[in-house]
Amino acid sequence: MGDLEWPLITFTVLGQVGIGIILMLWWLNRDHLDSKLLRKGTLVSGILLALALLASLFHLGHPEAAYRALTHLASSWLSREILLFLLTFLAWIYLYWKSRQPSSNPSFGLGVTSVLGLMGVVSSAMIYVLPRVPAWNNIGPVFFFLLTTGLLGALCTLVLGKELLQPAQRKRLLQGSLGFTILSLLITIVYGSMLSATVEGAATLNFLLSNPLFWARALLGWIAPLVLLIALLKKGHVEKPQLIVVVTVLAALGEILGRILFYLSAVGIHINALF
């Protein structure tokens, strides 16, 4: 099985949440985006991105030589990931400056930062699409990373905008959160059914289903959020900030557990040398 990589877990989850918040602000900006929410969301996303980049350094044996990773852009998804996250942070600096300007239009800054960030998330996922790890050698990592970005981005934006979002905006974010949760569950079911096609994949599936962390992830990240989100939308309680915070915490715990399982569940192909 794989190793528990806390720096990578921290980097990927925090980075994806930060990018998700900016993406949701860009989406909300189609209508009227409250200037206070723009400033608050931009600040929080920047802090998360900075912490993510800092955490990524702890995965390196020699952090002072991190710049060397940029020398393989033509062949390495890791190099592309680093470049794209650095560009995302530079775009965020511009966005932060624009968000502080009275009566300025943040559309360009939000759009550029969102696109660069999403490209960075995809690059992060592509690092793990490896032939020697059958469970990862598919589109699954890309879907899972993007779903974390969308789900936690939408829920965190709801928390940040509890008094600043219009009712229609709040409802759309709740609907989006529900959609991301359902899609995450469905893709996991399909992903699990595909794993049994190889010996290594079957070992991964067996590891997941026999691990208590998986069932904790299912309860915290899928079942509980689904019940609460459906209740919020069905009963029209879209202005229940305390309940939205509960859903956000549950979903975040579920995504963290899911990322832990992602790294632990790697089963490589064993190659026997012929003599």
C-alpha atoms as a PDB file:
ATOM      1  CA  MET A   1       0.000   0.000   0.000  1.00  0.00           C
ATOM      2  CA  GLY A   2       0.961   3.640  -0.303  1.00  0.00           C
ATOM      3  CA  ASP A   3       2.290   6.028   2.328  1.00  0.00           C
ATOM      4  CA  LEU A   4       0.492   8.669   4.369  1.00  0.00           C
ATOM      5  CA  GLU A   5       1.756  11.888   2.768  1.00  0.00           C
ATOM      6  CA  TRP A   6       0.573  14.707   5.046  1.00  0.00           C
ATOM      7  CA  PRO A   7       2.369  17.501   3.128  1.00  0.00           C
ATOM      8  CA  LEU A   8       0.710  16.367  -0.112  1.00  0.00           C
ATOM      9  CA  ILE A   9      -2.673  15.940   1.557  1.00  0.00           C
ATOM     10  CA  THR A  10      -2.396  19.460   2.992  1.00  0.00           C
ATOM     11  CA  PHE A  11      -1.157  20.939  -0.276  1.00  0.00           C
ATOM     12  CA  THR A  12      -3.804  19.369  -2.490  1.00  0.00           C
ATOM     13  CA  VAL A  13      -6.804  19.929  -0.213  1.00  0.00           C
ATOM     14  CA  LEU A  14      -5.982  23.515   0.833  1.00  0.00           C
ATOM     15  CA  GLY A  15      -4.959  24.486  -2.690  1.00  0.00           C
ATOM     16  CA  GLN A  16      -8.151  23.076  -4.151  1.00  0.00           C
ATOM     17  CA  VAL A  17     -10.340  24.818  -1.567  1.00  0.00           C
ATOM     18  CA  GLY A  18      -8.626  28.146  -2.280  1.00  0.00           C
ATOM     19  CA  ILE A  19      -9.104  27.744  -6.028  1.00  0.00           C
ATOM     20  CA  GLY A  20     -12.671  26.562  -5.485  1.00  0.00           C
ATOM     21  CA  ILE A  21     -13.562  29.742  -3.585  1.00  0.00           C
ATOM     22  CA  ILE A  22     -12.216  31.925  -6.394  1.00  0.00           C
ATOM     23  CA  LEU A  23     -14.082  29.808  -8.946  1.00  0.00           C
ATOM     24  CA  MET A  24     -17.348  30.281  -7.047  1.00  0.00           C
ATOM     25  CA  LEU A  25     -16.771  34.036  -6.772  1.00  0.00           C
ATOM     26  CA  TRP A  26     -16.241  34.145 -10.537  1.00  0.00           C
ATOM     27  CA  TRP A  27     -19.474  32.206 -11.045  1.00  0.00           C
ATOM     28  CA  LEU A  28     -21.419  34.472  -8.680  1.00  0.00           C
ATOM     29  CA  ASN A  29     -20.014  37.559 -10.395  1.00  0.00           C
ATOM     30  CA  ARG A  30     -22.361  36.877 -13.330  1.00  0.00           C
ATOM     31  CA  ASP A  31     -24.977  38.625 -11.207  1.00  0.00           C
ATOM     32  CA  HIS A  32     -24.190  41.071  -8.450  1.00  0.00           C
ATOM     33  CA  LEU A  33     -21.240  40.028  -6.284  1.00  0.00           C
ATOM     34  CA  ASP A  34     -21.120  41.845  -2.976  1.00  0.00           C
ATOM     35  CA  SER A  35     -17.849  43.778  -2.690  1.00  0.00           C
ATOM     36  CA  LYS A  36     -17.358  42.676   0.925  1.00  0.00           C
ATOM     37  CA  LEU A  37     -17.725  39.037  -0.080  1.00  0.00           C
ATOM     38  CA  LEU A  38     -15.243  39.569  -2.918  1.00  0.00           C
ATOM     39  CA  ARG A  39     -12.662  41.024  -0.506  1.00  0.00           C
ATOM     40  CA  LYS A  40     -13.257  38.377   2.154  1.00  0.00           C
ATOM     41  CA  GLY A  41     -13.265  35.465  -0.288  1.00  0.00           C
ATOM     42  CA  THR A  42     -10.169  36.722  -2.083  1.00  0.00           C
ATOM     43  CA  LEU A  43      -8.262  37.116   1.184  1.00  0.00           C
ATOM     44  CA  VAL A  44      -9.210  33.663   2.493  1.00  0.00           C
ATOM     45  CA  SER A  45      -8.408  31.979  -0.825  1.00  0.00           C
ATOM     46  CA  GLY A  46      -4.992  33.640  -0.887  1.00  0.00           C
ATOM     47  CA  ILE A  47      -4.203  32.485   2.646  1.00  0.00           C
ATOM     48  CA  LEU A  48      -5.185  28.923   1.702  1.00  0.00           C
ATOM     49  CA  LEU A  49      -3.058  29.024  -1.453  1.00  0.00           C
ATOM     50  CA  ALA A  50      -0.068  30.352   0.483  1.00  0.00           C
ATOM     51  CA  LEU A  51      -0.419  27.629   3.130  1.00  0.00           C
ATOM     52  CA  ALA A  52      -0.768  25.008   0.393  1.00  0.00           C
ATOM     53  CA  LEU A  53       2.417  26.156  -1.332  1.00  0.00           C
ATOM     54  CA  LEU A  54       4.237  26.213   2.000  1.00  0.00           C
ATOM     55  CA  ALA A  55       3.060  22.681   2.819  1.00  0.00           C
ATOM     56  CA  SER A  56       4.280  21.417  -0.561  1.00  0.00           C
ATOM     57  CA  LEU A  57       7.850  22.377   0.379  1.00  0.00           C
ATOM     58  CA  PHE A  58       7.832  19.908   3.280  1.00  0.00           C
ATOM     59  CA  HIS A  59       7.470  17.065   0.784  1.00  0.00           C
ATOM     60  CA  LEU A  60      10.802  17.952  -0.791  1.00  0.00           C
ATOM     61  CA  GLY A  61      14.046  16.570   0.529  1.00  0.00           C
ATOM     62  CA  HIS A  62      15.763  19.866  -0.371  1.00  0.00           C
ATOM     63  CA  PRO A  63      13.194  22.700  -0.392  1.00  0.00           C
ATOM     64  CA  GLU A  64      15.880  25.232  -1.331  1.00  0.00           C
ATOM     65  CA  ALA A  65      16.239  23.436  -4.681  1.00  0.00           C
ATOM     66  CA  ALA A  66      12.514  23.504  -5.491  1.00  0.00           C
ATOM     67  CA  TYR A  67      13.141  25.803  -8.456  1.00  0.00           C
ATOM     68  CA  ARG A  68      14.839  22.926 -10.290  1.00  0.00           C
ATOM     69  CA  ALA A  69      11.467  21.227 -10.700  1.00  0.00           C
ATOM     70  CA  LEU A  70      10.588  23.882 -13.295  1.00  0.00           C
ATOM     71  CA  THR A  71      13.257  22.597 -15.677  1.00  0.00           C
ATOM     72  CA  HIS A  72      11.155  19.696 -16.984  1.00  0.00           C
ATOM     73  CA  LEU A  73       8.003  21.424 -18.231  1.00  0.00           C
ATOM     74  CA  ALA A  74       7.979  19.501 -21.510  1.00  0.00           C
ATOM     75  CA  SER A  75       7.849  16.088 -19.862  1.00  0.00           C
ATOM     76  CA  SER A  76       6.796  16.417 -16.225  1.00  0.00           C
ATOM     77  CA  TRP A  77       3.322  17.049 -14.810  1.00  0.00           C
ATOM     78  CA  LEU A  78       5.017  17.947 -11.515  1.00  0.00           C
ATOM     79  CA  SER A  79       6.860  20.807 -13.217  1.00  0.00           C
ATOM     80  CA  ARG A  80       3.620  21.986 -14.824  1.00  0.00           C
ATOM     81  CA  GLU A  81       1.815  21.783 -11.490  1.00  0.00           C
ATOM     82  CA  ILE A  82       4.432  23.946  -9.773  1.00  0.00           C
ATOM     83  CA  LEU A  83       4.433  26.515 -12.580  1.00  0.00           C
ATOM     84  CA  LEU A  84       0.643  26.717 -12.737  1.00  0.00           C
ATOM     85  CA  PHE A  85       0.241  27.117  -8.979  1.00  0.00           C
ATOM     86  CA  LEU A  86       2.871  29.858  -8.946  1.00  0.00           C
ATOM     87  CA  LEU A  87       1.070  31.599 -11.823  1.00  0.00           C
ATOM     88  CA  THR A  88      -2.201  31.171  -9.956  1.00  0.00           C
ATOM     89  CA  PHE A  89      -0.730  32.879  -6.919  1.00  0.00           C
ATOM     90  CA  LEU A  90       0.603  35.725  -9.062  1.00  0.00           C
ATOM     91  CA  ALA A  91      -2.863  36.105 -10.609  1.00  0.00           C
ATOM     92  CA  TRP A  92      -4.307  36.081  -7.090  1.00  0.00           C
ATOM     93  CA  ILE A  93      -2.046  39.024  -6.142  1.00  0.00           C
ATOM     94  CA  TYR A  94      -3.556  40.993  -9.050  1.00  0.00           C
ATOM     95  CA  LEU A  95      -7.061  39.899  -8.013  1.00  0.00           C
ATOM     96  CA  TYR A  96      -6.420  40.930  -4.416  1.00  0.00           C
ATOM     97  CA  TRP A  97      -5.308  44.377  -5.601  1.00  0.00           C
ATOM     98  CA  LYS A  98      -8.398  44.722  -7.826  1.00  0.00           C
ATOM     99  CA  SER A  99     -10.714  43.623  -5.008  1.00  0.00           C
ATOM    100  CA  ARG A 100      -9.452  46.590  -2.963  1.00  0.00           C
ATOM    101  CA  GLN A 101     -10.179  49.110  -5.710  1.00  0.00           C
ATOM    102  CA  PRO A 102     -13.511  50.936  -5.345  1.00  0.00           C
ATOM    103  CA  SER A 103     -16.002  50.261  -8.157  1.00  0.00           C
ATOM    104  CA  SER A 104     -13.541  48.028 -10.056  1.00  0.00           C
ATOM    105  CA  ASN A 105     -14.709  45.076 -12.138  1.00  0.00           C
ATOM    106  CA  PRO A 106     -13.072  41.868 -10.841  1.00  0.00           C
ATOM    107  CA  SER A 107     -14.209  39.660 -13.749  1.00  0.00           C
ATOM    108  CA  PHE A 108     -10.845  39.494 -15.487  1.00  0.00           C
ATOM    109  CA  GLY A 109      -8.888  38.767 -12.304  1.00  0.00           C
ATOM    110  CA  LEU A 110     -11.403  36.151 -11.143  1.00  0.00           C
ATOM    111  CA  GLY A 111     -11.447  34.491 -14.558  1.00  0.00           C
ATOM    112  CA  VAL A 112      -7.677  34.313 -15.019  1.00  0.00           C
ATOM    113  CA  THR A 113      -7.066  33.078 -11.470  1.00  0.00           C
ATOM    114  CA  SER A 114      -9.833  30.470 -11.792  1.00  0.00           C
ATOM    115  CA  VAL A 115      -8.606  29.109 -15.132  1.00  0.00           C
ATOM    116  CA  LEU A 116      -4.973  28.938 -14.024  1.00  0.00           C
ATOM    117  CA  GLY A 117      -6.048  27.340 -10.749  1.00  0.00           C
ATOM    118  CA  LEU A 118      -8.152  24.687 -12.466  1.00  0.00           C
ATOM    119  CA  MET A 119      -5.257  23.910 -14.793  1.00  0.00           C
ATOM    120  CA  GLY A 120      -3.070  23.532 -11.706  1.00  0.00           C
ATOM    121  CA  VAL A 121      -5.583  21.135 -10.118  1.00  0.00           C
ATOM    122  CA  VAL A 122      -5.684  19.008 -13.279  1.00  0.00           C
ATOM    123  CA  SER A 123      -1.878  18.994 -13.396  1.00  0.00           C
ATOM    124  CA  SER A 124      -1.794  17.831  -9.763  1.00  0.00           C
ATOM    125  CA  ALA A 125      -4.128  14.962 -10.618  1.00  0.00           C
ATOM    126  CA  MET A 126      -2.184  13.963 -13.720  1.00  0.00           C
ATOM    127  CA  ILE A 127       0.920  13.377 -11.595  1.00  0.00           C
ATOM    128  CA  TYR A 128      -0.858  10.326 -10.180  1.00  0.00           C
ATOM    129  CA  VAL A 129      -2.065   8.848 -13.475  1.00  0.00           C
ATOM    130  CA  LEU A 130       0.649   6.190 -13.479  1.00  0.00           C
ATOM    131  CA  PRO A 131       0.732   2.887 -15.411  1.00  0.00           C
ATOM    132  CA  ARG A 132       2.569   1.254 -12.505  1.00  0.00           C
ATOM    133  CA  VAL A 133      -0.385   2.050 -10.178  1.00  0.00           C
ATOM    134  CA  PRO A 134      -3.500   0.611 -11.905  1.00  0.00           C
ATOM    135  CA  ALA A 135      -5.908   2.172  -9.393  1.00  0.00           C
ATOM    136  CA  TRP A 136      -4.660   5.621 -10.399  1.00  0.00           C
ATOM    137  CA  ASN A 137      -4.042   4.999 -14.095  1.00  0.00           C
ATOM    138  CA  ASN A 138      -7.384   6.447 -15.224  1.00  0.00           C
ATOM    139  CA  ILE A 139      -9.389   9.659 -15.215  1.00  0.00           C
ATOM    140  CA  GLY A 140     -10.382   9.070 -11.564  1.00  0.00           C
ATOM    141  CA  PRO A 141      -7.767  11.314  -9.913  1.00  0.00           C
ATOM    142  CA  VAL A 142      -8.749  14.226 -12.176  1.00  0.00           C
ATOM    143  CA  PHE A 143     -12.447  13.848 -11.316  1.00  0.00           C
ATOM    144  CA  PHE A 144     -11.780  13.488  -7.580  1.00  0.00           C
ATOM    145  CA  PHE A 145      -9.517  16.553  -7.396  1.00  0.00           C
ATOM    146  CA  LEU A 146     -11.950  18.702  -9.401  1.00  0.00           C
ATOM    147  CA  LEU A 147     -14.906  17.559  -7.290  1.00  0.00           C
ATOM    148  CA  THR A 148     -13.065  18.532  -4.091  1.00  0.00           C
ATOM    149  CA  THR A 149     -12.419  21.937  -5.658  1.00  0.00           C
ATOM    150  CA  GLY A 150     -16.066  22.448  -6.539  1.00  0.00           C
ATOM    151  CA  LEU A 151     -17.652  21.013  -3.408  1.00  0.00           C
ATOM    152  CA  LEU A 152     -15.492  22.661  -0.760  1.00  0.00           C
ATOM    153  CA  GLY A 153     -15.251  25.852  -2.811  1.00  0.00           C
ATOM    154  CA  ALA A 154     -19.046  26.166  -2.899  1.00  0.00           C
ATOM    155  CA  LEU A 155     -19.539  25.314   0.781  1.00  0.00           C
ATOM    156  CA  CYS A 156     -16.762  27.623   2.004  1.00  0.00           C
ATOM    157  CA  THR A 157     -18.193  30.442  -0.105  1.00  0.00           C
ATOM    158  CA  LEU A 158     -21.561  29.830   1.563  1.00  0.00           C
ATOM    159  CA  VAL A 159     -19.916  30.126   4.980  1.00  0.00           C
ATOM    160  CA  LEU A 160     -18.000  33.275   4.028  1.00  0.00           C
ATOM    161  CA  GLY A 161     -21.089  34.869   2.494  1.00  0.00           C
ATOM    162  CA  LYS A 162     -23.630  33.964   5.152  1.00  0.00           C
ATOM    163  CA  GLU A 163     -24.760  37.598   5.482  1.00  0.00           C
ATOM    164  CA  LEU A 164     -23.616  38.835   2.090  1.00  0.00           C
ATOM    165  CA  LEU A 165     -25.141  36.412  -0.404  1.00  0.00           C
ATOM    166  CA  GLN A 166     -28.503  36.996  -2.009  1.00  0.00           C
ATOM    167  CA  PRO A 167     -31.062  34.202  -1.359  1.00  0.00           C
ATOM    168  CA  ALA A 168     -30.895  33.093  -5.006  1.00  0.00           C
ATOM    169  CA  GLN A 169     -27.107  32.942  -4.887  1.00  0.00           C
ATOM    170  CA  ARG A 170     -27.196  30.962  -1.671  1.00  0.00           C
ATOM    171  CA  LYS A 171     -29.660  28.512  -3.192  1.00  0.00           C
ATOM    172  CA  ARG A 172     -27.510  28.026  -6.301  1.00  0.00           C
ATOM    173  CA  LEU A 173     -24.446  27.298  -4.174  1.00  0.00           C
ATOM    174  CA  LEU A 174     -26.427  24.767  -2.122  1.00  0.00           C
ATOM    175  CA  GLN A 175     -27.668  23.120  -5.304  1.00  0.00           C
ATOM    176  CA  GLY A 176     -24.136  23.035  -6.648  1.00  0.00           C
ATOM    177  CA  SER A 177     -22.875  21.480  -3.409  1.00  0.00           C
ATOM    178  CA  LEU A 178     -25.584  18.827  -3.606  1.00  0.00           C
ATOM    179  CA  GLY A 179     -24.694  18.106  -7.231  1.00  0.00           C
ATOM    180  CA  PHE A 180     -20.979  17.787  -6.464  1.00  0.00           C
ATOM    181  CA  THR A 181     -21.722  15.427  -3.549  1.00  0.00           C
ATOM    182  CA  ILE A 182     -23.970  13.175  -5.642  1.00  0.00           C
ATOM    183  CA  LEU A 183     -21.487  13.158  -8.501  1.00  0.00           C
ATOM    184  CA  SER A 184     -18.638  12.281  -6.111  1.00  0.00           C
ATOM    185  CA  LEU A 185     -20.598   9.317  -4.761  1.00  0.00           C
ATOM    186  CA  LEU A 186     -21.587   8.059  -8.229  1.00  0.00           C
ATOM    187  CA  ILE A 187     -18.051   8.366  -9.625  1.00  0.00           C
ATOM    188  CA  THR A 188     -16.674   6.514  -6.593  1.00  0.00           C
ATOM    189  CA  ILE A 189     -19.126   3.648  -7.208  1.00  0.00           C
ATOM    190  CA  VAL A 190     -18.150   3.460 -10.881  1.00  0.00           C
ATOM    191  CA  TYR A 191     -14.472   3.782  -9.983  1.00  0.00           C
ATOM    192  CA  GLY A 192     -14.772   0.926  -7.503  1.00  0.00           C
ATOM    193  CA  SER A 193     -16.447  -1.334 -10.047  1.00  0.00           C
ATOM    194  CA  MET A 194     -13.597  -0.675 -12.498  1.00  0.00           C
ATOM    195  CA  LEU A 195     -10.889  -1.565  -9.987  1.00  0.00           C
ATOM    196  CA  SER A 196     -11.755  -5.273  -9.999  1.00  0.00           C
ATOM    197  CA  ALA A 197     -10.485  -5.571 -13.587  1.00  0.00           C
ATOM    198  CA  THR A 198      -6.870  -6.082 -12.413  1.00  0.00           C
ATOM    199  CA  VAL A 199      -5.249  -7.917  -9.527  1.00  0.00           C
ATOM    200  CA  GLU A 200      -3.728  -4.698  -8.179  1.00  0.00           C
ATOM    201  CA  GLY A 201      -7.022  -2.848  -8.588  1.00  0.00           C
ATOM    202  CA  ALA A 202      -8.896  -5.608  -6.758  1.00  0.00           C
ATOM    203  CA  ALA A 203      -6.354  -5.322  -3.921  1.00  0.00           C
ATOM    204  CA  THR A 204      -7.023  -1.596  -3.756  1.00  0.00           C
ATOM    205  CA  LEU A 205     -10.791  -2.143  -3.677  1.00  0.00           C
ATOM    206  CA  ASN A 206     -10.443  -4.749  -0.933  1.00  0.00           C
ATOM    207  CA  PHE A 207      -8.250  -2.371   1.071  1.00  0.00           C
ATOM    208  CA  LEU A 208     -10.806   0.433   0.760  1.00  0.00           C
ATOM    209  CA  LEU A 209     -13.860  -1.625   1.664  1.00  0.00           C
ATOM    210  CA  SER A 210     -12.138  -3.217   4.660  1.00  0.00           C
ATOM    211  CA  ASN A 211     -10.792   0.066   6.015  1.00  0.00           C
ATOM    212  CA  PRO A 212     -12.873   1.873   8.686  1.00  0.00           C
ATOM    213  CA  LEU A 213     -11.651   5.188   7.254  1.00  0.00           C
ATOM    214  CA  PHE A 214     -13.585   4.493   4.051  1.00  0.00           C
ATOM    215  CA  TRP A 215     -16.860   4.043   5.909  1.00  0.00           C
ATOM    216  CA  ALA A 216     -16.151   7.113   8.022  1.00  0.00           C
ATOM    217  CA  ARG A 217     -15.522   8.988   4.761  1.00  0.00           C
ATOM    218  CA  ALA A 218     -18.821   7.655   3.363  1.00  0.00           C
ATOM    219  CA  LEU A 219     -20.757   8.781   6.439  1.00  0.00           C
ATOM    220  CA  LEU A 220     -19.115  12.182   6.874  1.00  0.00           C
ATOM    221  CA  GLY A 221     -18.516  13.076   3.232  1.00  0.00           C
ATOM    222  CA  TRP A 222     -21.537  11.650   1.432  1.00  0.00           C
ATOM    223  CA  ILE A 223     -24.436  10.414   3.560  1.00  0.00           C
ATOM    224  CA  ALA A 224     -24.614  13.176   6.195  1.00  0.00           C
ATOM    225  CA  PRO A 225     -24.044  16.072   3.718  1.00  0.00           C
ATOM    226  CA  LEU A 226     -26.605  14.615   1.305  1.00  0.00           C
ATOM    227  CA  VAL A 227     -29.261  14.393   4.019  1.00  0.00           C
ATOM    228  CA  LEU A 228     -28.564  17.900   5.314  1.00  0.00           C
ATOM    229  CA  LEU A 229     -28.305  19.547   1.880  1.00  0.00           C
ATOM    230  CA  ILE A 230     -31.548  17.948   0.710  1.00  0.00           C
ATOM    231  CA  ALA A 231     -33.237  19.087   3.935  1.00  0.00           C
ATOM    232  CA  LEU A 232     -31.930  22.636   3.504  1.00  0.00           C
ATOM    233  CA  LEU A 233     -33.202  22.865  -0.065  1.00  0.00           C
ATOM    234  CA  LYS A 234     -36.458  20.963   0.382  1.00  0.00           C
ATOM    235  CA  LYS A 235     -37.617  22.915   3.413  1.00  0.00           C
ATOM    236  CA  GLY A 236     -36.397  26.220   2.045  1.00  0.00           C
ATOM    237  CA  HIS A 237     -33.971  26.728   4.928  1.00  0.00           C
ATOM    238  CA  VAL A 238     -31.304  28.246   2.711  1.00  0.00           C
ATOM    239  CA  GLU A 239     -30.622  30.906   5.348  1.00  0.00           C
ATOM    240  CA  LYS A 240     -29.536  28.537   8.131  1.00  0.00           C
ATOM    241  CA  PRO A 241     -25.868  29.563   8.600  1.00  0.00           C
ATOM    242  CA  GLN A 242     -25.204  27.194  11.514  1.00  0.00           C
ATOM    243  CA  LEU A 243     -26.416  24.190   9.558  1.00  0.00           C
ATOM    244  CA  ILE A 244     -24.369  25.236   6.521  1.00  0.00           C
ATOM    245  CA  VAL A 245     -21.263  25.379   8.727  1.00  0.00           C
ATOM    246  CA  VAL A 246     -22.016  21.840   9.952  1.00  0.00           C
ATOM    247  CA  VAL A 247     -22.341  20.585   6.365  1.00  0.00           C
ATOM    248  CA  THR A 248     -19.083  22.307   5.430  1.00  0.00           C
ATOM    249  CA  VAL A 249     -17.171  20.758   8.335  1.00  0.00           C
ATOM    250  CA  LEU A 250     -18.577  17.298   7.577  1.00  0.00           C
ATOM    251  CA  ALA A 251     -17.767  17.578   3.871  1.00  0.00           C
ATOM    252  CA  ALA A 252     -14.246  18.847   4.630  1.00  0.00           C
ATOM    253  CA  LEU A 253     -13.593  15.929   6.980  1.00  0.00           C
ATOM    254  CA  GLY A 254     -14.929  13.562   4.334  1.00  0.00           C
ATOM    255  CA  GLU A 255     -12.646  15.006   1.655  1.00  0.00           C
ATOM    256  CA  ILE A 256      -9.611  14.852   3.951  1.00  0.00           C
ATOM    257  CA  LEU A 257     -10.350  11.197   4.737  1.00  0.00           C
ATOM    258  CA  GLY A 258     -10.844  10.566   1.038  1.00  0.00           C
ATOM    259  CA  ARG A 259      -7.460  12.102   0.252  1.00  0.00           C
ATOM    260  CA  ILE A 260      -5.812  10.032   2.994  1.00  0.00           C
ATOM    261  CA  LEU A 261      -7.314   6.886   1.473  1.00  0.00           C
ATOM    262  CA  PHE A 262      -6.213   8.010  -1.987  1.00  0.00           C
ATOM    263  CA  TYR A 263      -2.565   8.024  -0.941  1.00  0.00           C
ATOM    264  CA  LEU A 264      -2.810   4.905   1.210  1.00  0.00           C
ATOM    265  CA  SER A 265      -4.559   2.821  -1.447  1.00  0.00           C
ATOM    266  CA  ALA A 266      -1.802   2.814  -4.077  1.00  0.00           C
ATOM    267  CA  VAL A 267      -0.961  -0.749  -5.088  1.00  0.00           C
ATOM    268  CA  GLY A 268       1.808  -0.949  -7.662  1.00  0.00           C
ATOM    269  CA  ILE A 269       2.457  -3.605 -10.281  1.00  0.00           C
ATOM    270  CA  HIS A 270       5.008  -6.127  -9.133  1.00  0.00           C
ATOM    271  CA  ILE A 271       7.495  -6.854 -11.923  1.00  0.00           C
ATOM    272  CA  ASN A 272       9.582  -9.999 -11.635  1.00  0.00           C
ATOM    273  CA  ALA A 273      12.959  -9.806 -13.319  1.00  0.00           C
ATOM    274  CA  LEU A 274      13.843 -12.617 -15.704  1.00  0.00           C
ATOM    275  CA  PHE A 275      17.291 -14.141 -15.430  1.00  0.00           C
END
